[in-house]
Amino acid sequence: NDARIAAPLHALCSPDCKWFWSERCIEAFEILKKKLVEYPILRKINFKKEFIVYTDASTTAIGVILAQKSDQGNE
C-alpha cells in the first residue's frame, strides 16, 4: 500500500512535526520514486486519446491516477 509506504514522508508535513529526514524517510522516498517509473506506471501520453482520471482520498493520504486506454482496450 503506497499510503503506508509514504507515511514517514506524510508525517513531515504536519505542523507539529520536528522535521528530520530519517532512514525511514529515505527508504520511503526511494521506494516511491522507483514505483513511479516502473511499468505499467509510466508510459508515453497520446494527446489524441481521451484521458481517464481516478482519485481517492482518506484521512492519511490522497491518490490520483491519470490513465488512457491502449490500442488493445487496456488501461
N, C-alpha and C. Protein backbone atom coordinates (compact mmCIF):
# COMPACT_ATOMS: atom_id res chain seq x y z
N ASN A 1 0.84 -1.17 0.00
CA ASN A 1 0.00 0.00 0.00
C ASN A 1 0.89 1.25 0.00
N ASP A 2 0.74 2.08 -1.01
CA ASP A 2 1.60 3.26 -1.15
C ASP A 2 1.41 4.27 -0.02
N ALA A 3 0.20 4.38 0.50
CA ALA A 3 -0.03 5.32 1.61
C ALA A 3 0.77 4.89 2.84
N ARG A 4 0.85 3.60 3.08
CA ARG A 4 1.62 3.10 4.22
C ARG A 4 3.11 3.35 4.00
N ILE A 5 3.57 3.16 2.76
CA ILE A 5 4.98 3.42 2.44
C ILE A 5 5.30 4.90 2.64
N ALA A 6 4.37 5.77 2.22
CA ALA A 6 4.60 7.22 2.28
C ALA A 6 4.37 7.83 3.66
N ALA A 7 3.89 7.05 4.62
CA ALA A 7 3.56 7.59 5.94
C ALA A 7 4.69 8.40 6.59
N PRO A 8 5.96 7.94 6.54
CA PRO A 8 7.02 8.76 7.14
C PRO A 8 7.18 10.13 6.46
N LEU A 9 6.94 10.18 5.16
CA LEU A 9 7.04 11.45 4.43
C LEU A 9 5.85 12.34 4.73
N HIS A 10 4.68 11.72 4.80
CA HIS A 10 3.46 12.46 5.11
C HIS A 10 3.57 13.10 6.50
N ALA A 11 4.15 12.37 7.44
CA ALA A 11 4.30 12.89 8.81
C ALA A 11 5.14 14.16 8.84
N LEU A 12 6.08 14.30 7.91
CA LEU A 12 6.92 15.50 7.87
C LEU A 12 6.13 16.76 7.54
N CYS A 13 4.94 16.60 6.96
CA CYS A 13 4.11 17.75 6.57
C CYS A 13 3.27 18.29 7.72
N SER A 14 3.24 17.59 8.83
CA SER A 14 2.45 18.02 9.98
C SER A 14 3.08 19.27 10.60
N PRO A 15 2.25 20.25 10.95
CA PRO A 15 2.82 21.46 11.58
C PRO A 15 3.44 21.18 12.94
N ASP A 16 3.06 20.07 13.57
CA ASP A 16 3.59 19.73 14.90
C ASP A 16 4.86 18.89 14.82
N CYS A 17 5.27 18.52 13.62
CA CYS A 17 6.41 17.61 13.45
C CYS A 17 7.72 18.39 13.39
N LYS A 18 8.70 17.91 14.15
CA LYS A 18 10.05 18.44 14.01
C LYS A 18 10.64 17.76 12.78
N TRP A 19 11.02 18.54 11.78
CA TRP A 19 11.46 17.99 10.50
C TRP A 19 12.79 17.28 10.67
N PHE A 20 12.79 15.97 10.34
CA PHE A 20 14.00 15.18 10.41
C PHE A 20 13.96 14.13 9.30
N TRP A 21 14.92 14.17 8.39
CA TRP A 21 14.99 13.26 7.25
C TRP A 21 15.67 11.97 7.72
N SER A 22 14.86 11.05 8.23
CA SER A 22 15.36 9.81 8.84
C SER A 22 15.64 8.74 7.78
N GLU A 23 16.21 7.63 8.22
CA GLU A 23 16.42 6.48 7.33
C GLU A 23 15.09 5.97 6.79
N ARG A 24 14.04 5.99 7.63
CA ARG A 24 12.71 5.57 7.16
C ARG A 24 12.21 6.49 6.05
N CYS A 25 12.46 7.78 6.16
CA CYS A 25 12.06 8.73 5.12
C CYS A 25 12.82 8.48 3.83
N ILE A 26 14.11 8.25 3.95
CA ILE A 26 14.93 7.97 2.77
C ILE A 26 14.44 6.71 2.08
N GLU A 27 14.19 5.66 2.86
CA GLU A 27 13.72 4.40 2.29
C GLU A 27 12.36 4.57 1.60
N ALA A 28 11.44 5.28 2.25
CA ALA A 28 10.12 5.52 1.67
C ALA A 28 10.25 6.31 0.37
N PHE A 29 11.07 7.35 0.38
CA PHE A 29 11.27 8.16 -0.81
C PHE A 29 11.82 7.33 -1.97
N GLU A 30 12.81 6.51 -1.71
CA GLU A 30 13.43 5.69 -2.76
C GLU A 30 12.45 4.66 -3.31
N ILE A 31 11.67 4.02 -2.44
CA ILE A 31 10.68 3.04 -2.89
C ILE A 31 9.63 3.70 -3.77
N LEU A 32 9.09 4.83 -3.32
CA LEU A 32 8.06 5.53 -4.10
C LEU A 32 8.61 6.06 -5.41
N LYS A 33 9.83 6.57 -5.39
CA LYS A 33 10.45 7.07 -6.62
C LYS A 33 10.58 5.94 -7.64
N LYS A 34 11.01 4.77 -7.19
CA LYS A 34 11.15 3.62 -8.08
C LYS A 34 9.79 3.18 -8.63
N LYS A 35 8.77 3.18 -7.78
CA LYS A 35 7.44 2.76 -8.22
C LYS A 35 6.86 3.69 -9.28
N LEU A 36 7.23 4.96 -9.23
CA LEU A 36 6.69 5.93 -10.19
C LEU A 36 7.19 5.74 -11.61
N VAL A 37 8.33 5.10 -11.77
CA VAL A 37 8.89 4.96 -13.11
C VAL A 37 8.87 3.52 -13.62
N GLU A 38 8.27 2.61 -12.88
CA GLU A 38 8.19 1.22 -13.31
C GLU A 38 6.96 1.00 -14.19
N TYR A 39 7.06 0.03 -15.08
CA TYR A 39 5.92 -0.41 -15.86
C TYR A 39 4.89 -1.00 -14.91
N PRO A 40 3.62 -0.80 -15.03
CA PRO A 40 2.92 -0.07 -16.08
C PRO A 40 2.64 1.37 -15.72
N ILE A 41 3.31 1.90 -14.72
CA ILE A 41 3.02 3.24 -14.24
C ILE A 41 3.34 4.31 -15.29
N LEU A 42 4.48 4.23 -15.92
CA LEU A 42 4.93 5.30 -16.80
C LEU A 42 4.90 4.86 -18.25
N ARG A 43 4.12 5.54 -19.04
CA ARG A 43 4.05 5.31 -20.49
C ARG A 43 3.95 6.65 -21.18
N LYS A 44 4.19 6.65 -22.48
CA LYS A 44 4.05 7.90 -23.25
C LYS A 44 2.58 8.28 -23.36
N ILE A 45 2.32 9.56 -23.28
CA ILE A 45 0.96 10.09 -23.40
C ILE A 45 0.61 10.25 -24.87
N ASN A 46 -0.61 9.89 -25.21
CA ASN A 46 -1.14 10.11 -26.55
C ASN A 46 -2.21 11.19 -26.42
N PHE A 47 -1.88 12.42 -26.82
CA PHE A 47 -2.79 13.54 -26.65
C PHE A 47 -4.01 13.45 -27.56
N LYS A 48 -4.04 12.50 -28.48
CA LYS A 48 -5.20 12.31 -29.35
C LYS A 48 -6.24 11.39 -28.71
N LYS A 49 -5.88 10.74 -27.60
CA LYS A 49 -6.80 9.84 -26.91
C LYS A 49 -7.36 10.50 -25.65
N GLU A 50 -8.52 10.02 -25.23
CA GLU A 50 -9.18 10.51 -24.03
C GLU A 50 -8.38 10.15 -22.78
N PHE A 51 -8.38 11.06 -21.81
CA PHE A 51 -7.75 10.81 -20.52
C PHE A 51 -8.81 10.31 -19.54
N ILE A 52 -8.40 9.42 -18.65
CA ILE A 52 -9.26 8.92 -17.58
C ILE A 52 -8.56 9.28 -16.27
N VAL A 53 -9.30 9.92 -15.35
CA VAL A 53 -8.72 10.33 -14.08
C VAL A 53 -9.44 9.60 -12.95
N TYR A 54 -8.66 8.95 -12.10
CA TYR A 54 -9.18 8.29 -10.90
C TYR A 54 -8.62 9.02 -9.69
N THR A 55 -9.46 9.25 -8.69
CA THR A 55 -9.00 9.89 -7.46
C THR A 55 -9.47 9.10 -6.25
N ASP A 56 -8.74 9.22 -5.17
CA ASP A 56 -9.11 8.58 -3.91
C ASP A 56 -8.49 9.39 -2.78
N ALA A 57 -9.17 9.43 -1.66
CA ALA A 57 -8.64 10.17 -0.52
C ALA A 57 -9.06 9.49 0.78
N SER A 58 -8.23 9.63 1.77
CA SER A 58 -8.54 9.15 3.11
C SER A 58 -8.04 10.19 4.09
N THR A 59 -8.08 9.87 5.36
CA THR A 59 -7.59 10.82 6.36
C THR A 59 -6.07 10.90 6.38
N THR A 60 -5.39 9.94 5.73
CA THR A 60 -3.93 9.94 5.76
C THR A 60 -3.27 10.16 4.41
N ALA A 61 -4.03 10.08 3.32
CA ALA A 61 -3.38 10.19 2.01
C ALA A 61 -4.39 10.53 0.93
N ILE A 62 -3.85 10.98 -0.20
CA ILE A 62 -4.66 11.16 -1.40
C ILE A 62 -3.96 10.44 -2.54
N GLY A 63 -4.72 10.05 -3.53
CA GLY A 63 -4.12 9.38 -4.67
C GLY A 63 -4.80 9.79 -5.96
N VAL A 64 -4.04 9.80 -7.04
CA VAL A 64 -4.57 10.15 -8.35
C VAL A 64 -3.92 9.25 -9.38
N ILE A 65 -4.73 8.80 -10.33
CA ILE A 65 -4.21 8.03 -11.46
C ILE A 65 -4.69 8.72 -12.73
N LEU A 66 -3.77 8.98 -13.63
CA LEU A 66 -4.09 9.50 -14.95
C LEU A 66 -3.87 8.36 -15.92
N ALA A 67 -4.93 7.93 -16.60
CA ALA A 67 -4.84 6.75 -17.45
C ALA A 67 -5.36 7.04 -18.85
N GLN A 68 -4.98 6.16 -19.76
CA GLN A 68 -5.51 6.13 -21.11
C GLN A 68 -5.66 4.68 -21.51
N LYS A 69 -6.58 4.41 -22.44
CA LYS A 69 -6.74 3.05 -22.94
C LYS A 69 -5.72 2.80 -24.04
N SER A 70 -5.16 1.59 -24.03
CA SER A 70 -4.22 1.20 -25.08
C SER A 70 -5.01 0.82 -26.33
N ASP A 71 -4.31 0.54 -27.40
CA ASP A 71 -4.98 0.11 -28.63
C ASP A 71 -5.73 -1.20 -28.43
N GLN A 72 -5.33 -1.98 -27.42
CA GLN A 72 -6.00 -3.24 -27.11
C GLN A 72 -7.17 -3.04 -26.14
N GLY A 73 -7.41 -1.81 -25.69
CA GLY A 73 -8.52 -1.53 -24.79
C GLY A 73 -8.18 -1.61 -23.33
N ASN A 74 -6.92 -1.86 -23.00
CA ASN A 74 -6.48 -1.92 -21.60
C ASN A 74 -6.14 -0.52 -21.10
N GLU A 75 -6.37 -0.30 -19.80
CA GLU A 75 -5.97 0.99 -19.21
C GLU A 75 -4.57 0.89 -18.70
